[in-house]
N, C-alpha and C. Protein backbone atom coordinates (compact mmCIF):
# COMPACT_ATOMS: atom_id res chain seq x y z
N UNK A 1 14.63 11.34 9.42
CA UNK A 1 14.29 10.60 8.21
C UNK A 1 13.95 9.15 8.52
N UNK A 2 14.66 8.55 9.46
CA UNK A 2 14.41 7.16 9.83
C UNK A 2 12.97 7.00 10.32
N UNK A 3 12.49 7.95 11.12
CA UNK A 3 11.11 7.86 11.62
C UNK A 3 10.11 7.85 10.48
N UNK A 4 10.34 8.64 9.46
CA UNK A 4 9.43 8.68 8.32
C UNK A 4 9.45 7.36 7.55
N UNK A 5 10.64 6.79 7.37
CA UNK A 5 10.76 5.51 6.68
C UNK A 5 10.05 4.42 7.47
N UNK A 6 10.28 4.38 8.77
CA UNK A 6 9.63 3.36 9.61
C UNK A 6 8.12 3.53 9.62
N UNK A 7 7.65 4.75 9.67
CA UNK A 7 6.21 4.99 9.65
C UNK A 7 5.61 4.55 8.32
N UNK A 8 6.28 4.86 7.23
CA UNK A 8 5.80 4.43 5.91
C UNK A 8 5.75 2.91 5.82
N UNK A 9 6.79 2.26 6.29
CA UNK A 9 6.82 0.80 6.26
C UNK A 9 5.70 0.23 7.12
N UNK A 10 5.49 0.80 8.29
CA UNK A 10 4.42 0.34 9.19
C UNK A 10 3.06 0.42 8.50
N UNK A 11 2.81 1.51 7.79
CA UNK A 11 1.55 1.67 7.08
C UNK A 11 1.39 0.61 5.98
N UNK A 12 2.45 0.39 5.20
CA UNK A 12 2.40 -0.61 4.13
C UNK A 12 2.20 -2.00 4.72
N UNK A 13 2.93 -2.31 5.77
CA UNK A 13 2.81 -3.62 6.41
C UNK A 13 1.40 -3.83 6.95
N UNK A 14 0.84 -2.84 7.61
CA UNK A 14 -0.53 -2.97 8.13
C UNK A 14 -1.53 -3.18 7.00
N UNK A 15 -1.34 -2.48 5.89
CA UNK A 15 -2.22 -2.68 4.73
C UNK A 15 -2.09 -4.10 4.19
N UNK A 16 -0.86 -4.59 4.07
CA UNK A 16 -0.64 -5.95 3.56
C UNK A 16 -1.29 -6.99 4.47
N UNK A 17 -1.12 -6.84 5.78
CA UNK A 17 -1.71 -7.79 6.73
C UNK A 17 -3.24 -7.74 6.68
N UNK A 18 -3.78 -6.54 6.53
CA UNK A 18 -5.24 -6.39 6.42
C UNK A 18 -5.75 -7.07 5.15
N UNK A 19 -5.00 -6.94 4.05
CA UNK A 19 -5.44 -7.51 2.78
C UNK A 19 -5.42 -9.05 2.78
N UNK A 20 -4.56 -9.66 3.57
CA UNK A 20 -4.52 -11.13 3.60
C UNK A 20 -5.27 -11.72 4.78
N UNK A 21 -5.82 -10.89 5.63
CA UNK A 21 -6.46 -11.37 6.86
C UNK A 21 -7.52 -12.43 6.61
N UNK A 22 -8.31 -12.29 5.56
CA UNK A 22 -9.39 -13.24 5.33
C UNK A 22 -9.06 -14.30 4.28
N UNK A 23 -7.81 -14.37 3.87
CA UNK A 23 -7.41 -15.40 2.90
C UNK A 23 -7.09 -16.68 3.67
N UNK A 24 -7.78 -17.77 3.36
CA UNK A 24 -7.50 -19.04 4.05
C UNK A 24 -6.08 -19.53 3.71
N UNK A 25 -5.50 -20.26 4.63
CA UNK A 25 -4.15 -20.80 4.45
C UNK A 25 -3.99 -21.51 3.10
N UNK A 26 -4.99 -22.31 2.73
CA UNK A 26 -4.86 -23.09 1.49
C UNK A 26 -4.94 -22.24 0.22
N UNK A 27 -5.26 -20.95 0.36
CA UNK A 27 -5.30 -20.05 -0.80
C UNK A 27 -4.09 -19.11 -0.86
N UNK A 28 -3.20 -19.22 0.11
CA UNK A 28 -2.04 -18.32 0.16
C UNK A 28 -1.07 -18.53 -1.00
N UNK A 29 -1.11 -19.70 -1.63
CA UNK A 29 -0.22 -19.95 -2.77
C UNK A 29 -0.97 -19.89 -4.10
N UNK A 30 -2.25 -19.58 -4.05
CA UNK A 30 -3.05 -19.49 -5.28
C UNK A 30 -2.54 -18.31 -6.11
N UNK A 31 -2.40 -18.53 -7.40
CA UNK A 31 -1.87 -17.51 -8.30
C UNK A 31 -2.90 -17.23 -9.40
N UNK A 32 -3.90 -16.39 -9.08
CA UNK A 32 -4.96 -16.13 -10.07
C UNK A 32 -4.48 -15.26 -11.23
N UNK A 33 -4.81 -15.67 -12.42
CA UNK A 33 -4.54 -14.89 -13.64
C UNK A 33 -3.12 -14.35 -13.71
N UNK A 34 -2.16 -15.12 -13.27
CA UNK A 34 -0.77 -14.71 -13.37
C UNK A 34 -0.30 -13.72 -12.32
N UNK A 35 -1.16 -13.38 -11.36
CA UNK A 35 -0.75 -12.48 -10.29
C UNK A 35 0.15 -13.22 -9.30
N UNK A 36 0.92 -12.49 -8.53
CA UNK A 36 1.77 -13.12 -7.53
C UNK A 36 0.93 -13.67 -6.39
N UNK A 37 1.25 -14.88 -5.91
CA UNK A 37 0.48 -15.44 -4.80
C UNK A 37 0.70 -14.63 -3.52
N UNK A 38 -0.32 -14.55 -2.66
CA UNK A 38 -0.19 -13.77 -1.42
C UNK A 38 1.02 -14.16 -0.58
N UNK A 39 1.33 -15.46 -0.53
CA UNK A 39 2.48 -15.90 0.27
C UNK A 39 3.77 -15.27 -0.26
N UNK A 40 3.92 -15.22 -1.58
CA UNK A 40 5.13 -14.62 -2.15
C UNK A 40 5.16 -13.12 -1.89
N UNK A 41 4.03 -12.45 -2.01
CA UNK A 41 4.00 -11.00 -1.80
C UNK A 41 4.44 -10.67 -0.37
N UNK A 42 3.87 -11.36 0.61
CA UNK A 42 4.26 -11.10 2.00
C UNK A 42 5.74 -11.41 2.22
N UNK A 43 6.18 -12.55 1.71
CA UNK A 43 7.59 -12.92 1.87
C UNK A 43 8.52 -11.91 1.23
N UNK A 44 8.13 -11.40 0.08
CA UNK A 44 8.95 -10.42 -0.63
C UNK A 44 9.02 -9.11 0.16
N UNK A 45 7.91 -8.70 0.74
CA UNK A 45 7.90 -7.48 1.56
C UNK A 45 8.82 -7.66 2.76
N UNK A 46 8.71 -8.79 3.44
CA UNK A 46 9.53 -9.03 4.63
C UNK A 46 11.00 -9.15 4.26
N UNK A 47 11.28 -9.87 3.18
CA UNK A 47 12.69 -9.99 2.75
C UNK A 47 13.26 -8.62 2.38
N UNK A 48 12.47 -7.80 1.71
CA UNK A 48 12.91 -6.45 1.36
C UNK A 48 13.20 -5.62 2.61
N UNK A 49 12.36 -5.78 3.62
CA UNK A 49 12.59 -5.07 4.88
C UNK A 49 13.89 -5.52 5.53
N UNK A 50 14.16 -6.83 5.46
CA UNK A 50 15.42 -7.32 6.03
C UNK A 50 16.62 -6.73 5.28
N UNK A 51 16.50 -6.65 3.96
CA UNK A 51 17.59 -6.07 3.17
C UNK A 51 17.80 -4.59 3.50
N UNK A 52 16.70 -3.85 3.66
CA UNK A 52 16.82 -2.44 4.04
C UNK A 52 17.43 -2.32 5.43
N UNK A 53 16.98 -3.20 6.33
CA UNK A 53 17.54 -3.19 7.68
C UNK A 53 19.03 -3.47 7.70
N UNK A 54 19.47 -4.37 6.83
CA UNK A 54 20.90 -4.69 6.81
C UNK A 54 21.73 -3.48 6.42
N UNK A 55 21.15 -2.60 5.59
CA UNK A 55 21.85 -1.37 5.21
C UNK A 55 22.01 -0.42 6.39
N UNK A 56 21.14 -0.61 7.41
CA UNK A 56 21.19 0.25 8.60
C UNK A 56 21.82 -0.47 9.79
N UNK A 57 22.40 -1.65 9.53
CA UNK A 57 23.09 -2.37 10.60
C UNK A 57 22.23 -3.30 11.42
N UNK A 58 21.00 -3.57 10.97
CA UNK A 58 20.12 -4.49 11.69
C UNK A 58 20.51 -5.92 11.32
N UNK A 59 20.64 -6.78 12.31
CA UNK A 59 21.01 -8.17 12.08
C UNK A 59 19.88 -8.90 11.35
N UNK A 60 20.22 -9.82 10.44
CA UNK A 60 19.18 -10.59 9.74
C UNK A 60 18.32 -11.37 10.73
N UNK A 61 17.03 -11.50 10.43
CA UNK A 61 16.13 -12.22 11.32
C UNK A 61 15.37 -13.35 10.61
N UNK A 62 15.46 -13.42 9.30
CA UNK A 62 14.72 -14.44 8.57
C UNK A 62 15.56 -15.70 8.37
N UNK A 63 14.89 -16.86 8.25
CA UNK A 63 15.62 -18.08 7.92
C UNK A 63 16.35 -17.89 6.58
N UNK A 64 17.54 -18.42 6.47
CA UNK A 64 18.38 -18.22 5.28
C UNK A 64 17.68 -18.66 3.99
N UNK A 65 16.87 -19.72 4.06
CA UNK A 65 16.22 -20.23 2.84
C UNK A 65 15.15 -19.27 2.30
N UNK A 66 14.71 -18.33 3.09
CA UNK A 66 13.72 -17.37 2.60
C UNK A 66 14.29 -16.49 1.49
N UNK A 67 15.59 -16.22 1.52
CA UNK A 67 16.20 -15.35 0.51
C UNK A 67 15.97 -15.92 -0.88
N UNK A 68 16.15 -17.21 -1.05
CA UNK A 68 15.96 -17.82 -2.36
C UNK A 68 14.53 -17.75 -2.85
N UNK A 69 13.59 -17.79 -1.92
CA UNK A 69 12.17 -17.75 -2.29
C UNK A 69 11.69 -16.35 -2.61
N UNK A 70 12.24 -15.34 -1.93
CA UNK A 70 11.63 -14.01 -1.95
C UNK A 70 12.53 -12.87 -2.42
N UNK A 71 13.78 -13.14 -2.73
CA UNK A 71 14.71 -12.06 -3.11
C UNK A 71 14.30 -11.43 -4.44
N UNK A 72 14.90 -10.30 -4.71
CA UNK A 72 14.69 -9.65 -6.01
C UNK A 72 15.08 -10.63 -7.11
N UNK A 73 14.24 -10.74 -8.10
CA UNK A 73 14.50 -11.66 -9.20
C UNK A 73 13.95 -13.05 -8.99
N UNK A 74 13.45 -13.34 -7.77
CA UNK A 74 12.84 -14.65 -7.55
C UNK A 74 11.53 -14.72 -8.33
N UNK A 75 11.17 -15.92 -8.71
CA UNK A 75 9.96 -16.10 -9.51
C UNK A 75 8.89 -16.75 -8.65
N UNK A 76 7.76 -16.05 -8.44
CA UNK A 76 6.67 -16.63 -7.66
C UNK A 76 6.22 -17.95 -8.29
N UNK A 77 5.93 -18.91 -7.43
CA UNK A 77 5.54 -20.23 -7.90
C UNK A 77 4.45 -20.78 -6.98
N UNK A 78 3.27 -21.00 -7.52
CA UNK A 78 2.15 -21.50 -6.73
C UNK A 78 2.42 -22.89 -6.18
N UNK A 79 3.39 -23.59 -6.73
CA UNK A 79 3.73 -24.94 -6.25
C UNK A 79 4.87 -24.94 -5.23
N UNK A 80 5.42 -23.77 -4.94
CA UNK A 80 6.49 -23.64 -3.96
C UNK A 80 5.96 -23.93 -2.56
N UNK A 81 6.76 -24.58 -1.74
CA UNK A 81 6.39 -24.81 -0.34
C UNK A 81 6.79 -23.57 0.46
N UNK A 82 5.93 -22.57 0.43
CA UNK A 82 6.20 -21.33 1.15
C UNK A 82 5.98 -21.51 2.65
N UNK A 83 6.56 -20.62 3.46
CA UNK A 83 6.25 -20.64 4.89
C UNK A 83 4.75 -20.44 5.10
N UNK A 84 4.26 -20.82 6.26
CA UNK A 84 2.83 -20.68 6.55
C UNK A 84 2.43 -19.20 6.63
N UNK A 85 1.15 -18.97 6.54
CA UNK A 85 0.62 -17.62 6.64
C UNK A 85 1.02 -17.00 7.98
N UNK A 86 0.92 -17.79 9.05
CA UNK A 86 1.28 -17.28 10.38
C UNK A 86 2.77 -16.90 10.44
N UNK A 87 3.63 -17.72 9.85
CA UNK A 87 5.07 -17.40 9.83
C UNK A 87 5.33 -16.12 9.04
N UNK A 88 4.70 -16.00 7.89
CA UNK A 88 4.90 -14.82 7.05
C UNK A 88 4.39 -13.56 7.74
N UNK A 89 3.19 -13.64 8.31
CA UNK A 89 2.62 -12.46 8.98
C UNK A 89 3.42 -12.11 10.25
N UNK A 90 3.96 -13.11 10.91
CA UNK A 90 4.75 -12.87 12.12
C UNK A 90 6.14 -12.29 11.83
N UNK A 91 6.63 -12.58 10.64
CA UNK A 91 7.99 -12.12 10.31
C UNK A 91 8.02 -10.63 10.05
């Protein structure tokens, strides 16, 4: 079952990275028509992965302040100082 979960996550992650590949850094916090900004979407995916990993005994790998920005119930904000695109994609 773990292999299936990891494969599914890998597919979703690759899709997310492909979708933001051509978004310039200065547009990563843009929030068009009330949609979530790309920076928040990536951060939320990575934070969710860390939370799932913690359930399986994986040690946290994200900076502690990311939880406040990306946890369940966090509110996307185009004015938030999010991590850079490279940091988000690397995480």
